[in-house]
Amino acid sequence: MNAGSDARIDSRSLKAQGLDREATMHLGPVASDMERRGKASDRCDGNRQVAVNNAMLEQI
């Protein structure tokens, strides 16, 4: 079934895909809810740092 999206899922690691970036961590419902309510979450904080690191890698 194709819902009009060209996005594809690749189960290989980022390294195996030839991508030079750090993976984010799955948040799960509890951390996602905490983030929506503006509460601190180690997982969300970690993912924000990964996003900063990945942005810096793209600039190199």
C-alpha atoms as a PDB file:
ATOM      1  CA  MET A   1       0.000   0.000   0.000  1.00  0.00           C
ATOM      2  CA  ASN A   2       1.372   3.393  -0.985  1.00  0.00           C
ATOM      3  CA  ALA A   3      -0.141   6.458   0.652  1.00  0.00           C
ATOM      4  CA  GLY A   4       1.610   8.870  -1.690  1.00  0.00           C
ATOM      5  CA  SER A   5       4.893   8.893   0.214  1.00  0.00           C
ATOM      6  CA  ASP A   6       8.277   8.079  -1.281  1.00  0.00           C
ATOM      7  CA  ALA A   7       9.810   7.528   2.183  1.00  0.00           C
ATOM      8  CA  ARG A   8      11.373   4.125   2.757  1.00  0.00           C
ATOM      9  CA  ILE A   9      12.490   2.376   5.919  1.00  0.00           C
ATOM     10  CA  ASP A  10      15.995   0.940   6.022  1.00  0.00           C
ATOM     11  CA  SER A  11      16.718  -1.332   8.986  1.00  0.00           C
ATOM     12  CA  ARG A  12      20.488  -1.125   8.518  1.00  0.00           C
ATOM     13  CA  SER A  13      22.572   0.933  10.913  1.00  0.00           C
ATOM     14  CA  LEU A  14      23.461   4.474   9.888  1.00  0.00           C
ATOM     15  CA  LYS A  15      27.062   3.340   9.395  1.00  0.00           C
ATOM     16  CA  ALA A  16      25.954   0.457   7.156  1.00  0.00           C
ATOM     17  CA  GLN A  17      23.916   2.957   5.130  1.00  0.00           C
ATOM     18  CA  GLY A  18      27.028   5.084   4.681  1.00  0.00           C
ATOM     19  CA  LEU A  19      25.616   7.949   6.749  1.00  0.00           C
ATOM     20  CA  ASP A  20      28.040   9.866   8.937  1.00  0.00           C
ATOM     21  CA  ARG A  21      25.729  11.004  11.704  1.00  0.00           C
ATOM     22  CA  GLU A  22      24.764  10.005  15.204  1.00  0.00           C
ATOM     23  CA  ALA A  23      21.460   8.212  15.801  1.00  0.00           C
ATOM     24  CA  THR A  24      18.802   9.635  18.096  1.00  0.00           C
ATOM     25  CA  MET A  25      17.186   7.597  20.839  1.00  0.00           C
ATOM     26  CA  HIS A  26      13.549   6.499  20.660  1.00  0.00           C
ATOM     27  CA  LEU A  27      11.669   8.635  23.187  1.00  0.00           C
ATOM     28  CA  GLY A  28       8.654   6.492  24.000  1.00  0.00           C
ATOM     29  CA  PRO A  29       5.308   7.753  25.269  1.00  0.00           C
ATOM     30  CA  VAL A  30       6.447   8.897  28.720  1.00  0.00           C
ATOM     31  CA  ALA A  31       9.349  11.062  27.515  1.00  0.00           C
ATOM     32  CA  SER A  32       7.250  12.391  24.620  1.00  0.00           C
ATOM     33  CA  ASP A  33       4.498  13.402  27.024  1.00  0.00           C
ATOM     34  CA  MET A  34       7.007  15.056  29.345  1.00  0.00           C
ATOM     35  CA  GLU A  35       8.398  17.026  26.396  1.00  0.00           C
ATOM     36  CA  ARG A  36       4.921  18.174  25.342  1.00  0.00           C
ATOM     37  CA  ARG A  37       4.247  19.378  28.889  1.00  0.00           C
ATOM     38  CA  GLY A  38       7.559  21.252  29.000  1.00  0.00           C
ATOM     39  CA  LYS A  39       9.156  19.018  31.641  1.00  0.00           C
ATOM     40  CA  ALA A  40      12.792  17.947  31.596  1.00  0.00           C
ATOM     41  CA  SER A  41      13.609  14.573  30.057  1.00  0.00           C
ATOM     42  CA  ASP A  42      17.097  13.081  29.788  1.00  0.00           C
ATOM     43  CA  ARG A  43      16.163  11.369  26.529  1.00  0.00           C
ATOM     44  CA  CYS A  44      14.847  14.565  24.955  1.00  0.00           C
ATOM     45  CA  ASP A  45      17.885  16.499  26.163  1.00  0.00           C
ATOM     46  CA  GLY A  46      20.138  13.811  24.692  1.00  0.00           C
ATOM     47  CA  ASN A  47      18.342  13.927  21.344  1.00  0.00           C
ATOM     48  CA  ARG A  48      18.692  17.709  21.239  1.00  0.00           C
ATOM     49  CA  GLN A  49      22.453  17.329  21.763  1.00  0.00           C
ATOM     50  CA  VAL A  50      22.608  14.682  19.019  1.00  0.00           C
ATOM     51  CA  ALA A  51      20.804  17.107  16.678  1.00  0.00           C
ATOM     52  CA  VAL A  52      23.404  19.795  17.444  1.00  0.00           C
ATOM     53  CA  ASN A  53      26.238  17.308  16.858  1.00  0.00           C
ATOM     54  CA  ASN A  54      24.710  16.163  13.560  1.00  0.00           C
ATOM     55  CA  ALA A  55      24.261  19.762  12.400  1.00  0.00           C
ATOM     56  CA  MET A  56      27.936  20.408  13.123  1.00  0.00           C
ATOM     57  CA  LEU A  57      28.916  17.276  11.160  1.00  0.00           C
ATOM     58  CA  GLU A  58      26.920  18.497   8.151  1.00  0.00           C
ATOM     59  CA  GLN A  59      28.862  21.777   8.132  1.00  0.00           C
ATOM     60  CA  ILE A  60      32.220  20.005   7.916  1.00  0.00           C
END
